[in-house]
């Protein structure tokens, strides 16, 4: 096989492999830091721009359906609560396995909890 054919065959493979390493750092589940014995908000992010969430409150359980952007560690989430229809707008930052967010309901801290939620 001449070098021209090798470049033709391996070039696209290298492009595919390079794309595999470009994983969105938010992908997976994130849980709100709350007092022991209480349930907080859980968020899950996909590879593109979708974010979902659940507040796990027994008297007011609701889910978030929204979109996110992450640019240079700055995170913005916009969407709505599915049951109530109220808007969700939060902004903050991602540093390692920690997210700090602020919104109309206050400030929240989340830590990575694992893979994408089965709810989403």
N, C-alpha and C. Protein backbone atom coordinates (compact mmCIF):
# COMPACT_ATOMS: atom_id res chain seq x y z
N UNK A 1 0.86 -1.17 0.00
CA UNK A 1 0.00 0.00 0.00
C UNK A 1 0.90 1.23 0.00
N UNK A 2 0.65 2.16 -0.91
CA UNK A 2 1.51 3.34 -0.95
C UNK A 2 1.07 4.35 0.10
N UNK A 3 1.93 5.34 0.37
CA UNK A 3 1.66 6.29 1.44
C UNK A 3 0.41 7.14 1.18
N UNK A 4 0.07 7.38 -0.08
CA UNK A 4 -1.14 8.13 -0.41
C UNK A 4 -2.39 7.39 0.01
N UNK A 5 -2.42 6.06 -0.21
CA UNK A 5 -3.57 5.26 0.21
C UNK A 5 -3.67 5.19 1.73
N UNK A 6 -2.53 5.08 2.41
CA UNK A 6 -2.54 5.04 3.88
C UNK A 6 -3.11 6.33 4.46
N UNK A 7 -2.69 7.44 3.92
CA UNK A 7 -3.20 8.73 4.40
C UNK A 7 -4.70 8.82 4.16
N UNK A 8 -5.15 8.31 3.00
CA UNK A 8 -6.57 8.34 2.68
C UNK A 8 -7.38 7.49 3.66
N UNK A 9 -6.86 6.32 4.04
CA UNK A 9 -7.57 5.42 4.94
C UNK A 9 -7.48 5.86 6.40
N UNK A 10 -6.32 6.33 6.83
CA UNK A 10 -6.14 6.65 8.25
C UNK A 10 -6.54 8.07 8.62
N UNK A 11 -6.59 8.96 7.66
CA UNK A 11 -7.00 10.34 7.94
C UNK A 11 -8.38 10.42 8.56
N UNK A 12 -9.41 9.83 7.91
CA UNK A 12 -10.75 9.88 8.50
C UNK A 12 -10.82 9.18 9.86
N UNK A 13 -10.06 8.11 10.05
CA UNK A 13 -10.05 7.42 11.34
C UNK A 13 -9.52 8.33 12.43
N UNK A 14 -8.47 9.07 12.15
CA UNK A 14 -7.92 10.00 13.13
C UNK A 14 -8.91 11.10 13.49
N UNK A 15 -9.66 11.58 12.50
CA UNK A 15 -10.68 12.59 12.77
C UNK A 15 -11.76 12.03 13.69
N UNK A 16 -12.19 10.80 13.44
CA UNK A 16 -13.20 10.16 14.30
C UNK A 16 -12.70 9.98 15.72
N UNK A 17 -11.47 9.51 15.86
CA UNK A 17 -10.90 9.30 17.19
C UNK A 17 -10.74 10.62 17.93
N UNK A 18 -10.34 11.66 17.26
CA UNK A 18 -10.20 12.97 17.89
C UNK A 18 -11.55 13.46 18.40
N UNK A 19 -12.61 13.22 17.64
CA UNK A 19 -13.95 13.63 18.05
C UNK A 19 -14.43 12.89 19.28
N UNK A 20 -14.01 11.64 19.45
CA UNK A 20 -14.42 10.84 20.60
C UNK A 20 -13.86 11.40 21.90
N UNK A 21 -12.72 12.05 21.84
CA UNK A 21 -12.10 12.59 23.04
C UNK A 21 -12.68 13.92 23.46
N UNK A 22 -13.58 14.48 22.69
CA UNK A 22 -14.13 15.80 22.95
C UNK A 22 -15.44 15.67 23.73
N UNK A 23 -15.43 14.97 24.84
CA UNK A 23 -16.63 14.74 25.64
C UNK A 23 -17.01 15.99 26.43
N UNK A 24 -18.27 16.32 26.38
CA UNK A 24 -18.80 17.45 27.14
C UNK A 24 -18.58 17.16 28.64
N UNK A 25 -17.93 18.06 29.37
CA UNK A 25 -17.61 17.79 30.78
C UNK A 25 -18.83 17.73 31.71
N UNK A 26 -19.99 18.17 31.26
CA UNK A 26 -21.20 18.14 32.10
C UNK A 26 -21.98 16.84 32.01
N UNK A 27 -21.73 16.02 31.00
CA UNK A 27 -22.54 14.83 30.75
C UNK A 27 -22.66 13.97 32.01
N UNK A 28 -23.91 13.65 32.37
CA UNK A 28 -24.18 12.79 33.52
C UNK A 28 -25.07 13.45 34.54
N UNK A 29 -25.15 12.83 35.70
CA UNK A 29 -25.99 13.30 36.81
C UNK A 29 -25.21 14.20 37.76
N UNK A 30 -25.92 15.18 38.30
CA UNK A 30 -25.37 16.09 39.30
C UNK A 30 -26.41 16.24 40.40
N UNK A 31 -25.98 16.16 41.64
CA UNK A 31 -26.91 16.29 42.78
C UNK A 31 -26.57 17.52 43.61
N UNK A 32 -27.63 18.19 44.03
CA UNK A 32 -27.49 19.38 44.86
C UNK A 32 -26.96 18.99 46.24
N UNK A 33 -26.03 19.79 46.76
CA UNK A 33 -25.55 19.60 48.12
C UNK A 33 -26.63 20.09 49.08
N UNK A 34 -27.16 19.19 49.89
CA UNK A 34 -28.21 19.53 50.86
C UNK A 34 -27.89 18.86 52.19
N UNK A 35 -28.63 19.23 53.21
CA UNK A 35 -28.44 18.64 54.54
C UNK A 35 -28.74 17.15 54.49
N UNK A 36 -28.03 16.36 55.29
CA UNK A 36 -28.29 14.92 55.34
C UNK A 36 -29.76 14.63 55.64
N UNK A 37 -30.33 13.65 54.94
CA UNK A 37 -31.71 13.26 55.15
C UNK A 37 -32.72 14.07 54.36
N UNK A 38 -32.25 15.02 53.56
CA UNK A 38 -33.17 15.80 52.73
C UNK A 38 -32.86 15.57 51.26
N UNK A 39 -33.86 15.80 50.42
CA UNK A 39 -33.69 15.65 48.98
C UNK A 39 -33.54 17.01 48.33
N UNK A 40 -32.59 17.12 47.45
CA UNK A 40 -32.40 18.36 46.71
C UNK A 40 -32.68 18.16 45.24
N UNK A 41 -32.30 19.12 44.47
CA UNK A 41 -32.48 19.08 43.03
C UNK A 41 -31.43 18.17 42.41
N UNK A 42 -31.84 17.41 41.43
CA UNK A 42 -30.93 16.58 40.64
C UNK A 42 -31.00 17.08 39.20
N UNK A 43 -29.84 17.24 38.58
CA UNK A 43 -29.76 17.66 37.19
C UNK A 43 -29.05 16.60 36.38
N UNK A 44 -29.42 16.46 35.10
CA UNK A 44 -28.66 15.60 34.21
C UNK A 44 -28.50 16.31 32.88
N UNK A 45 -27.30 16.18 32.32
CA UNK A 45 -26.92 16.86 31.10
C UNK A 45 -26.57 15.84 30.02
N UNK A 46 -26.99 16.11 28.78
CA UNK A 46 -26.61 15.23 27.68
C UNK A 46 -25.37 15.79 26.97
N UNK A 47 -24.96 15.11 25.92
CA UNK A 47 -23.74 15.48 25.18
C UNK A 47 -23.91 16.78 24.39
N UNK A 48 -25.14 17.11 24.03
CA UNK A 48 -25.36 18.29 23.17
C UNK A 48 -25.69 19.52 24.00
N UNK A 49 -26.99 19.74 24.26
CA UNK A 49 -27.38 20.96 24.98
C UNK A 49 -28.62 20.79 25.85
N UNK A 50 -29.09 19.56 26.02
CA UNK A 50 -30.30 19.33 26.81
C UNK A 50 -29.95 19.10 28.28
N UNK A 51 -30.77 19.69 29.14
CA UNK A 51 -30.64 19.48 30.59
C UNK A 51 -32.03 19.11 31.12
N UNK A 52 -32.03 18.15 32.01
CA UNK A 52 -33.26 17.76 32.69
C UNK A 52 -33.00 17.83 34.18
N UNK A 53 -34.06 17.76 34.95
CA UNK A 53 -33.88 17.80 36.39
C UNK A 53 -35.14 17.40 37.10
N UNK A 54 -34.98 17.10 38.38
CA UNK A 54 -36.11 16.73 39.24
C UNK A 54 -35.83 17.27 40.63
N UNK A 55 -36.85 17.86 41.25
CA UNK A 55 -36.64 18.42 42.58
C UNK A 55 -36.90 17.42 43.70
N UNK A 56 -37.44 16.22 43.41
CA UNK A 56 -37.64 15.14 44.38
C UNK A 56 -38.34 15.57 45.66
N UNK A 57 -39.24 16.52 45.57
CA UNK A 57 -39.98 16.98 46.76
C UNK A 57 -41.30 16.23 46.84
N UNK A 58 -41.56 15.55 47.97
CA UNK A 58 -42.78 14.73 48.07
C UNK A 58 -44.08 15.52 47.88
N UNK A 59 -44.11 16.78 48.28
CA UNK A 59 -45.34 17.55 48.17
C UNK A 59 -45.40 18.42 46.91
N UNK A 60 -44.30 18.49 46.16
CA UNK A 60 -44.26 19.37 44.99
C UNK A 60 -43.27 18.84 43.96
N UNK A 61 -43.34 17.55 43.64
CA UNK A 61 -42.41 16.94 42.69
C UNK A 61 -42.61 17.54 41.31
N UNK A 62 -41.53 17.96 40.67
CA UNK A 62 -41.60 18.56 39.35
C UNK A 62 -40.29 18.30 38.62
N UNK A 63 -40.35 18.33 37.30
CA UNK A 63 -39.18 18.07 36.46
C UNK A 63 -38.84 19.27 35.60
N UNK A 64 -37.55 19.47 35.37
CA UNK A 64 -37.07 20.53 34.49
C UNK A 64 -36.86 19.97 33.09
N UNK A 65 -37.25 20.74 32.11
CA UNK A 65 -36.96 20.44 30.71
C UNK A 65 -36.31 21.70 30.15
N UNK A 66 -35.03 21.61 29.77
CA UNK A 66 -34.37 22.82 29.32
C UNK A 66 -33.14 22.58 28.46
N UNK A 67 -32.46 23.66 28.20
CA UNK A 67 -31.23 23.68 27.41
C UNK A 67 -30.13 24.35 28.23
N UNK A 68 -28.90 23.99 27.91
CA UNK A 68 -27.77 24.62 28.60
C UNK A 68 -26.71 25.05 27.60
N UNK A 69 -25.90 26.00 28.03
CA UNK A 69 -24.69 26.36 27.31
C UNK A 69 -23.55 26.37 28.32
N UNK A 70 -22.40 25.94 27.88
CA UNK A 70 -21.20 25.96 28.71
C UNK A 70 -20.08 26.54 27.87
N UNK A 71 -19.58 27.70 28.27
CA UNK A 71 -18.51 28.37 27.56
C UNK A 71 -17.45 28.81 28.55
N UNK A 72 -16.26 28.26 28.39
CA UNK A 72 -15.13 28.62 29.25
C UNK A 72 -15.48 28.53 30.73
N UNK A 73 -16.18 27.47 31.11
CA UNK A 73 -16.53 27.24 32.51
C UNK A 73 -17.76 27.96 33.00
N UNK A 74 -18.36 28.81 32.17
CA UNK A 74 -19.57 29.55 32.55
C UNK A 74 -20.79 28.78 32.03
N UNK A 75 -21.71 28.47 32.93
CA UNK A 75 -22.87 27.65 32.63
C UNK A 75 -24.15 28.47 32.70
N UNK A 76 -25.01 28.31 31.70
CA UNK A 76 -26.33 28.93 31.68
C UNK A 76 -27.36 27.85 31.40
N UNK A 77 -28.44 27.84 32.19
CA UNK A 77 -29.53 26.89 32.01
C UNK A 77 -30.83 27.68 31.85
N UNK A 78 -31.60 27.35 30.81
CA UNK A 78 -32.91 27.96 30.58
C UNK A 78 -33.89 26.87 30.21
N UNK A 79 -35.08 26.94 30.80
CA UNK A 79 -36.10 25.94 30.50
C UNK A 79 -37.36 26.24 31.27
N UNK A 80 -38.08 25.15 31.60
CA UNK A 80 -39.31 25.33 32.38
C UNK A 80 -39.54 24.09 33.23
N UNK A 81 -40.31 24.29 34.30
CA UNK A 81 -40.78 23.17 35.11
C UNK A 81 -41.94 22.57 34.35
N UNK A 82 -41.91 21.26 34.12
CA UNK A 82 -42.94 20.60 33.30
C UNK A 82 -44.34 20.71 33.89
N UNK A 83 -44.49 20.48 35.18
CA UNK A 83 -45.83 20.47 35.79
C UNK A 83 -46.40 21.87 35.98
N UNK A 84 -45.61 22.77 36.54
CA UNK A 84 -46.11 24.11 36.84
C UNK A 84 -46.01 25.06 35.65
N UNK A 85 -45.11 24.76 34.70
CA UNK A 85 -44.92 25.64 33.57
C UNK A 85 -44.08 26.87 33.88
N UNK A 86 -43.61 27.00 35.13
CA UNK A 86 -42.79 28.15 35.51
C UNK A 86 -41.43 28.08 34.84
N UNK A 87 -40.89 29.25 34.48
CA UNK A 87 -39.57 29.26 33.83
C UNK A 87 -38.45 28.89 34.80
N UNK A 88 -37.40 28.32 34.24
CA UNK A 88 -36.17 28.02 34.98
C UNK A 88 -35.05 28.79 34.30
N UNK A 89 -34.35 29.60 35.05
CA UNK A 89 -33.20 30.33 34.53
C UNK A 89 -32.13 30.36 35.62
N UNK A 90 -31.02 29.70 35.34
CA UNK A 90 -29.92 29.65 36.30
C UNK A 90 -28.61 29.91 35.55
N UNK A 91 -27.68 30.45 36.25
CA UNK A 91 -26.36 30.70 35.68
C UNK A 91 -25.31 30.45 36.75
N UNK A 92 -24.11 30.14 36.30
CA UNK A 92 -23.06 29.88 37.27
C UNK A 92 -21.81 29.37 36.60
N UNK A 93 -21.11 28.47 37.32
CA UNK A 93 -19.83 28.00 36.82
C UNK A 93 -19.62 26.52 37.11
N UNK A 94 -18.78 25.92 36.27
CA UNK A 94 -18.34 24.54 36.43
C UNK A 94 -16.86 24.56 36.73
N UNK A 95 -16.48 23.93 37.85
CA UNK A 95 -15.07 23.78 38.21
C UNK A 95 -14.88 22.34 38.65
N UNK A 96 -14.21 21.55 37.81
CA UNK A 96 -14.01 20.13 38.12
C UNK A 96 -15.33 19.41 38.23
N UNK A 97 -15.58 18.76 39.38
CA UNK A 97 -16.83 18.03 39.62
C UNK A 97 -17.79 18.83 40.50
N UNK A 98 -17.75 20.15 40.37
CA UNK A 98 -18.62 21.03 41.16
C UNK A 98 -19.25 22.07 40.24
N UNK A 99 -20.57 22.27 40.43
CA UNK A 99 -21.30 23.33 39.74
C UNK A 99 -21.87 24.27 40.80
N UNK A 100 -21.66 25.55 40.63
CA UNK A 100 -22.29 26.58 41.46
C UNK A 100 -23.26 27.34 40.58
N UNK A 101 -24.54 27.37 40.99
CA UNK A 101 -25.59 28.03 40.20
C UNK A 101 -26.35 29.04 41.05
N UNK A 102 -26.81 30.10 40.40
CA UNK A 102 -27.69 31.08 41.02
C UNK A 102 -28.91 31.24 40.13
N UNK A 103 -30.04 31.53 40.78
CA UNK A 103 -31.28 31.74 40.04
C UNK A 103 -32.28 32.43 40.93
N UNK A 104 -33.52 32.51 40.48
CA UNK A 104 -34.57 33.19 41.23
C UNK A 104 -34.80 32.57 42.62
N UNK A 105 -34.52 31.26 42.75
CA UNK A 105 -34.75 30.58 44.02
C UNK A 105 -33.52 30.54 44.92
N UNK A 106 -32.45 31.22 44.53
CA UNK A 106 -31.26 31.28 45.39
C UNK A 106 -30.02 30.71 44.73
N UNK A 107 -29.06 30.34 45.59
CA UNK A 107 -27.80 29.77 45.13
C UNK A 107 -27.74 28.29 45.46
N UNK A 108 -27.15 27.52 44.55
CA UNK A 108 -27.09 26.07 44.71
C UNK A 108 -25.72 25.56 44.32
N UNK A 109 -25.28 24.51 45.01
CA UNK A 109 -24.04 23.83 44.65
C UNK A 109 -24.37 22.37 44.34
N UNK A 110 -23.78 21.86 43.28
CA UNK A 110 -24.01 20.48 42.84
C UNK A 110 -22.67 19.78 42.70
N UNK A 111 -22.71 18.46 42.91
CA UNK A 111 -21.53 17.63 42.66
C UNK A 111 -21.92 16.47 41.75
N UNK A 112 -20.95 16.02 40.98
CA UNK A 112 -21.18 14.93 40.04
C UNK A 112 -21.67 13.70 40.79
N UNK A 113 -22.71 13.06 40.23
CA UNK A 113 -23.31 11.90 40.89
C UNK A 113 -23.21 10.64 40.05
N UNK A 114 -22.85 10.72 38.78
CA UNK A 114 -22.75 9.51 37.97
C UNK A 114 -23.23 9.70 36.56
N UNK A 115 -23.69 8.59 35.96
CA UNK A 115 -24.11 8.60 34.56
C UNK A 115 -25.47 9.26 34.40
N UNK A 116 -25.92 9.37 33.16
CA UNK A 116 -27.18 10.05 32.85
C UNK A 116 -28.35 9.34 33.52
N UNK A 117 -29.26 10.11 34.06
CA UNK A 117 -30.41 9.60 34.78
C UNK A 117 -31.34 8.79 33.87
N UNK A 118 -31.93 7.72 34.39
CA UNK A 118 -32.90 6.97 33.60
C UNK A 118 -34.19 7.74 33.35
N UNK A 119 -34.41 8.84 34.09
CA UNK A 119 -35.63 9.65 33.89
C UNK A 119 -35.58 10.39 32.56
N UNK A 120 -34.40 10.62 32.02
CA UNK A 120 -34.24 11.48 30.85
C UNK A 120 -34.00 10.68 29.61
